Amino acid sequence: MTYTELMLDVHDSVATLTLNRPKARNALGGALRDEFADVTRHLSERAGKDISAIVLTGAGKSFCAGGDLRVLQEMSGKGPEAMHARMQESHATLERWLDLPIPTIAAVHGAAAGAGFSLAIACDFVFAAPSAQFVMSFGRIGLVPDWGAMYLLPRLVGMQRAKDLVFTTRDIDAEAAREMGLVYEVIDDDQMVAHAQSFAARFRNASPEAIGIAKRVMGAAFETDRKTALAAEATAQAEANASDYHREAVGKFLAKEPALFDWSR
């Protein structure tokens, strides 16, 4: 597939998706927003087949500086209905991303601001370079968080910290983000993407059914009561138990053969 403001590279079942609008610090405007919507459809078709994990990063000095201010200024003059429709389009893209049945890994350097912050925490794991700066910058221009941040952020850091980040719009560095639980690991800038790709590659032999099912069930954990959660778990285990992967993996274990999936190997 050919994109002008996005790069997609697949190597050994790991997809590396690079936001490629460096002159605009990879702001989600122009062709990039539409191309990201398109690539989520493409990845959803390949996820669990020839792609086992995805690394999301940005070209140039930033991960993603958020929304395109010129576009936001233009939308402001069109009335609330136009902005509402645009947000519904963004949410459709976000939901496809969140529903991908494979691990997604953000590799963040430089600015992850506004929607860029939201996009980073929409990944299952976030690696950050020391240069990374996370900021819920929406309030600086009189807006509220979008691209799922008001759903995702309180679940990651708790309500009080989420309100702190949203209300104050203060910058936090990679170490502070790690301490809050936003970042999985801090890696030197020159090694971070390769480290994230290596991490992603270790899922190559994992069960796509098991990861996809677990991701789906845990994705609803915070709004599910115990009885419903246990029922979903029972259904999920029955589905996983019926998979060819499970039968093959158990067979290897009983035959004392090397495991299909060994994280340490």
Protein backbone atom coordinates (compact mmCIF):
# COMPACT_ATOMS: atom_id res chain seq x y z
CA MET A 1 0.00 0.00 0.00
CA THR A 2 1.24 3.50 -0.80
CA TYR A 3 0.82 6.42 1.58
CA THR A 4 2.17 9.96 1.44
CA GLU A 5 2.24 10.80 5.18
CA LEU A 6 2.49 7.34 6.67
CA MET A 7 4.95 4.48 6.35
CA LEU A 8 4.06 0.83 6.90
CA ASP A 9 6.80 -1.78 6.98
CA VAL A 10 6.22 -5.44 7.82
CA HIS A 11 9.22 -7.59 8.69
CA ASP A 12 9.10 -11.05 10.25
CA SER A 13 5.44 -10.54 11.21
CA VAL A 14 6.11 -7.23 13.03
CA ALA A 15 4.45 -4.18 11.47
CA THR A 16 6.16 -0.84 12.05
CA LEU A 17 3.79 2.06 11.44
CA THR A 18 5.48 5.46 11.22
CA LEU A 19 3.59 8.75 11.25
CA ASN A 20 5.47 10.58 8.53
CA ARG A 21 4.64 14.25 8.60
CA PRO A 22 7.77 15.50 10.37
CA LYS A 23 7.56 19.15 9.26
CA ALA A 24 4.22 19.35 11.10
CA ARG A 25 5.55 17.22 13.99
CA ASN A 26 3.24 14.45 12.74
CA ALA A 27 0.07 16.37 13.59
CA LEU A 28 -3.09 14.41 12.81
CA GLY A 29 -4.30 16.54 9.94
CA GLY A 30 -3.91 16.63 6.19
CA ALA A 31 -3.56 13.25 4.54
CA LEU A 32 -2.16 11.65 7.71
CA ARG A 33 -5.51 11.46 9.48
CA ASP A 34 -7.18 9.80 6.48
CA GLU A 35 -4.25 7.48 5.90
CA PHE A 36 -4.21 6.40 9.53
CA ALA A 37 -7.92 5.58 9.23
CA ASP A 38 -7.20 3.52 6.12
CA VAL A 39 -4.26 1.65 7.59
CA THR A 40 -6.29 0.59 10.64
CA ARG A 41 -8.68 -1.18 8.25
CA HIS A 42 -5.76 -2.81 6.46
CA LEU A 43 -4.13 -3.93 9.71
CA SER A 44 -7.38 -5.34 11.08
CA GLU A 45 -7.51 -7.67 8.05
CA ARG A 46 -3.93 -8.90 8.56
CA ALA A 47 -3.78 -8.96 12.37
CA GLY A 48 -3.23 -12.48 13.70
CA LYS A 49 -2.48 -13.77 10.19
CA ASP A 50 0.82 -12.45 8.83
CA ILE A 51 1.14 -9.69 11.45
CA SER A 52 1.60 -10.66 15.11
CA ALA A 53 2.33 -7.22 16.65
CA ILE A 54 2.49 -3.54 15.67
CA VAL A 55 4.97 -0.80 16.61
CA LEU A 56 3.70 2.77 16.22
CA THR A 57 6.21 5.61 16.07
CA GLY A 58 6.80 9.01 14.47
CA ALA A 59 9.29 10.36 11.94
CA GLY A 60 11.53 13.27 12.80
CA LYS A 61 11.82 14.81 16.27
CA SER A 62 8.28 14.12 17.53
CA PHE A 63 5.94 11.21 18.02
CA CYS A 64 2.78 13.23 17.32
CA ALA A 65 2.01 16.84 18.20
CA GLY A 66 -1.76 16.27 18.24
CA GLY A 67 -4.38 17.87 16.04
CA ASP A 68 -3.72 20.27 13.21
CA LEU A 69 -4.49 23.74 14.60
CA ARG A 70 -5.34 25.17 11.18
CA VAL A 71 -7.94 22.46 10.69
CA LEU A 72 -9.32 23.01 14.20
CA GLN A 73 -9.60 26.76 13.52
CA GLU A 74 -11.46 26.03 10.30
CA MET A 75 -13.80 23.57 12.05
CA SER A 76 -14.63 26.17 14.72
CA GLY A 77 -16.26 28.36 12.10
CA LYS A 78 -18.46 25.55 10.78
CA GLY A 79 -20.49 24.99 13.92
CA PRO A 80 -20.72 22.13 16.44
CA GLU A 81 -22.32 19.67 14.02
CA ALA A 82 -19.27 19.60 11.75
CA MET A 83 -16.88 19.00 14.66
CA HIS A 84 -19.16 16.30 16.07
CA ALA A 85 -19.14 14.47 12.73
CA ARG A 86 -15.34 14.75 12.55
CA MET A 87 -15.00 13.31 16.05
CA GLN A 88 -17.26 10.39 15.15
CA GLU A 89 -14.92 9.60 12.25
CA SER A 90 -11.92 9.78 14.58
CA HIS A 91 -13.63 7.50 17.09
CA ALA A 92 -14.38 4.91 14.40
CA THR A 93 -10.65 4.83 13.60
CA LEU A 94 -9.73 4.68 17.29
CA GLU A 95 -12.08 1.77 17.92
CA ARG A 96 -10.60 -0.21 15.03
CA TRP A 97 -7.16 0.42 16.56
CA LEU A 98 -8.24 -0.57 20.07
CA ASP A 99 -9.96 -3.69 18.74
CA LEU A 100 -6.91 -5.02 16.91
CA PRO A 101 -6.50 -8.57 18.29
CA ILE A 102 -2.69 -8.31 18.54
CA PRO A 103 -0.32 -6.31 20.76
CA THR A 104 0.20 -2.67 19.81
CA ILE A 105 3.33 -0.90 21.03
CA ALA A 106 3.98 2.85 20.97
CA ALA A 107 7.59 3.99 20.62
CA VAL A 108 7.49 7.62 21.75
CA HIS A 109 10.19 10.25 21.35
CA GLY A 110 9.82 14.01 21.49
CA ALA A 111 6.33 15.46 21.75
CA ALA A 112 3.31 13.29 22.42
CA ALA A 113 0.85 16.14 22.74
CA GLY A 114 -2.93 16.28 22.68
CA ALA A 115 -4.22 13.59 20.36
CA GLY A 116 -0.65 12.29 20.12
CA PHE A 117 -0.74 11.55 23.85
CA SER A 118 -4.14 9.90 23.35
CA LEU A 119 -2.81 7.78 20.50
CA ALA A 120 0.17 6.61 22.56
CA ILE A 121 -1.99 5.42 25.46
CA ALA A 122 -4.36 3.71 23.03
CA CYS A 123 -1.53 1.18 22.56
CA ASP A 124 -1.13 -1.88 24.78
CA PHE A 125 2.44 -0.93 25.71
CA VAL A 126 4.27 2.40 25.63
CA PHE A 127 8.04 2.66 25.33
CA ALA A 128 9.45 6.16 25.71
CA ALA A 129 12.79 7.76 25.02
CA PRO A 130 14.28 10.26 27.50
CA SER A 131 13.37 12.97 24.97
CA ALA A 132 9.66 12.15 25.24
CA GLN A 133 7.32 14.82 26.59
CA PHE A 134 3.69 13.93 27.28
CA VAL A 135 1.13 16.71 27.55
CA MET A 136 -2.67 16.79 27.54
CA SER A 137 -2.48 20.13 25.77
CA PHE A 138 -6.15 20.48 24.81
CA GLY A 139 -6.96 22.95 27.61
CA ARG A 140 -4.31 25.35 26.33
CA ILE A 141 -6.59 26.11 23.38
CA GLY A 142 -9.91 25.73 25.18
CA LEU A 143 -10.64 22.15 24.12
CA VAL A 144 -11.19 18.89 25.99
CA PRO A 145 -9.24 15.64 25.47
CA ASP A 146 -10.26 13.53 22.51
CA TRP A 147 -9.18 10.39 20.63
CA GLY A 148 -10.34 8.38 23.63
CA ALA A 149 -8.24 10.11 26.31
CA MET A 150 -11.11 10.79 28.70
CA TYR A 151 -11.89 7.04 28.63
CA LEU A 152 -8.33 5.68 28.66
CA LEU A 153 -6.41 8.09 30.88
CA PRO A 154 -8.38 7.60 34.16
CA ARG A 155 -8.11 3.83 33.69
CA LEU A 156 -4.33 4.05 33.48
CA VAL A 157 -3.48 6.59 36.19
CA GLY A 158 -6.65 6.98 38.30
CA MET A 159 -9.14 9.83 38.25
CA GLN A 160 -7.21 12.36 40.35
CA ARG A 161 -4.01 12.09 38.30
CA ALA A 162 -6.03 12.17 35.08
CA LYS A 163 -7.71 15.40 36.18
CA ASP A 164 -4.30 16.81 37.09
CA LEU A 165 -2.92 16.15 33.60
CA VAL A 166 -6.06 17.41 31.84
CA PHE A 167 -6.77 20.50 33.97
CA THR A 168 -3.18 21.75 34.35
CA THR A 169 -2.03 20.80 30.80
CA ARG A 170 1.44 20.38 32.31
CA ASP A 171 4.22 18.53 30.52
CA ILE A 172 5.59 15.34 32.04
CA ASP A 173 8.79 13.64 30.98
CA ALA A 174 9.35 9.95 30.27
CA GLU A 175 10.35 9.03 33.83
CA ALA A 176 7.35 10.80 35.36
CA ALA A 177 5.10 9.07 32.84
CA ARG A 178 6.64 5.72 33.77
CA GLU A 179 6.07 6.36 37.47
CA MET A 180 2.40 7.14 36.74
CA GLY A 181 1.96 3.89 34.83
CA LEU A 182 1.66 5.50 31.40
CA VAL A 183 5.01 4.18 30.15
CA TYR A 184 6.12 0.55 30.26
CA GLU A 185 9.84 1.22 29.88
CA VAL A 186 12.23 4.13 29.17
CA ILE A 187 14.83 3.36 26.49
CA ASP A 188 17.59 5.54 25.02
CA ASP A 189 16.47 7.48 21.95
CA ASP A 190 18.82 5.73 19.53
CA GLN A 191 17.73 2.27 20.66
CA MET A 192 14.05 2.73 21.39
CA VAL A 193 12.38 1.77 18.09
CA ALA A 194 14.65 -1.25 17.66
CA HIS A 195 13.93 -2.26 21.26
CA ALA A 196 10.18 -1.91 20.68
CA GLN A 197 10.47 -3.99 17.49
CA SER A 198 12.44 -6.67 19.34
CA PHE A 199 9.78 -6.71 22.07
CA ALA A 200 7.06 -7.00 19.42
CA ALA A 201 8.89 -9.85 17.67
CA ARG A 202 8.69 -12.00 20.80
CA PHE A 203 4.94 -12.32 20.25
CA ARG A 204 5.58 -14.00 16.89
CA ASN A 205 4.79 -17.50 18.15
CA ALA A 206 2.09 -16.54 20.64
CA SER A 207 -1.48 -17.72 20.12
CA PRO A 208 -3.29 -15.03 18.13
CA GLU A 209 -6.59 -16.41 19.43
CA ALA A 210 -5.54 -16.23 23.10
CA ILE A 211 -4.13 -12.70 22.86
CA GLY A 212 -7.06 -11.43 20.83
CA ILE A 213 -9.63 -12.95 23.19
CA ALA A 214 -7.83 -11.74 26.34
CA LYS A 215 -7.45 -8.26 24.89
CA ARG A 216 -11.16 -8.12 24.07
CA VAL A 217 -12.30 -9.29 27.51
CA MET A 218 -9.85 -7.13 29.49
CA GLY A 219 -10.78 -4.14 27.34
CA ALA A 220 -14.22 -4.20 28.95
CA ALA A 221 -13.00 -5.00 32.48
CA PHE A 222 -13.51 -1.58 34.06
CA GLU A 223 -17.15 -1.28 33.09
CA THR A 224 -18.15 -4.91 33.68
CA ASP A 225 -19.63 -6.26 36.91
CA ARG A 226 -18.13 -9.42 38.43
CA LYS A 227 -20.87 -11.79 37.29
CA THR A 228 -20.70 -10.54 33.70
CA ALA A 229 -16.89 -10.60 33.76
CA LEU A 230 -16.83 -14.24 34.92
CA ALA A 231 -19.35 -15.19 32.25
CA ALA A 232 -17.18 -13.50 29.61
CA GLU A 233 -14.13 -15.33 30.98
CA ALA A 234 -15.91 -18.69 30.73
CA THR A 235 -16.94 -18.01 27.13
CA ALA A 236 -13.43 -16.81 26.30
CA GLN A 237 -11.78 -19.91 27.74
CA ALA A 238 -14.15 -22.20 25.87
CA GLU A 239 -13.27 -20.37 22.64
CA ALA A 240 -9.52 -20.59 23.30
CA ASN A 241 -9.73 -24.22 24.36
CA ALA A 242 -11.26 -25.13 21.01
CA SER A 243 -8.41 -23.55 19.01
CA ASP A 244 -5.93 -25.54 16.93
CA TYR A 245 -3.12 -23.61 18.62
CA HIS A 246 -4.17 -24.84 22.07
CA ARG A 247 -4.36 -28.46 20.93
CA GLU A 248 -0.92 -28.27 19.31
CA ALA A 249 0.64 -26.50 22.31
CA VAL A 250 -0.71 -29.05 24.79
CA GLY A 251 0.49 -31.88 22.56
CA LYS A 252 4.02 -30.47 22.57
CA PHE A 253 3.96 -30.01 26.33
CA LEU A 254 2.83 -33.60 26.95
CA ALA A 255 5.43 -34.89 24.50
CA LYS A 256 8.10 -32.86 26.34
CA GLU A 257 8.88 -30.93 23.14
CA PRO A 258 9.84 -27.22 23.07
CA ALA A 259 6.88 -24.93 23.72
CA LEU A 260 5.24 -23.10 20.83
CA PHE A 261 5.51 -19.85 22.79
CA ASP A 262 8.26 -19.15 25.30
CA TRP A 263 8.72 -15.46 26.16
CA SER A 264 12.21 -16.02 27.51
CA ARG A 265 13.42 -17.74 24.35
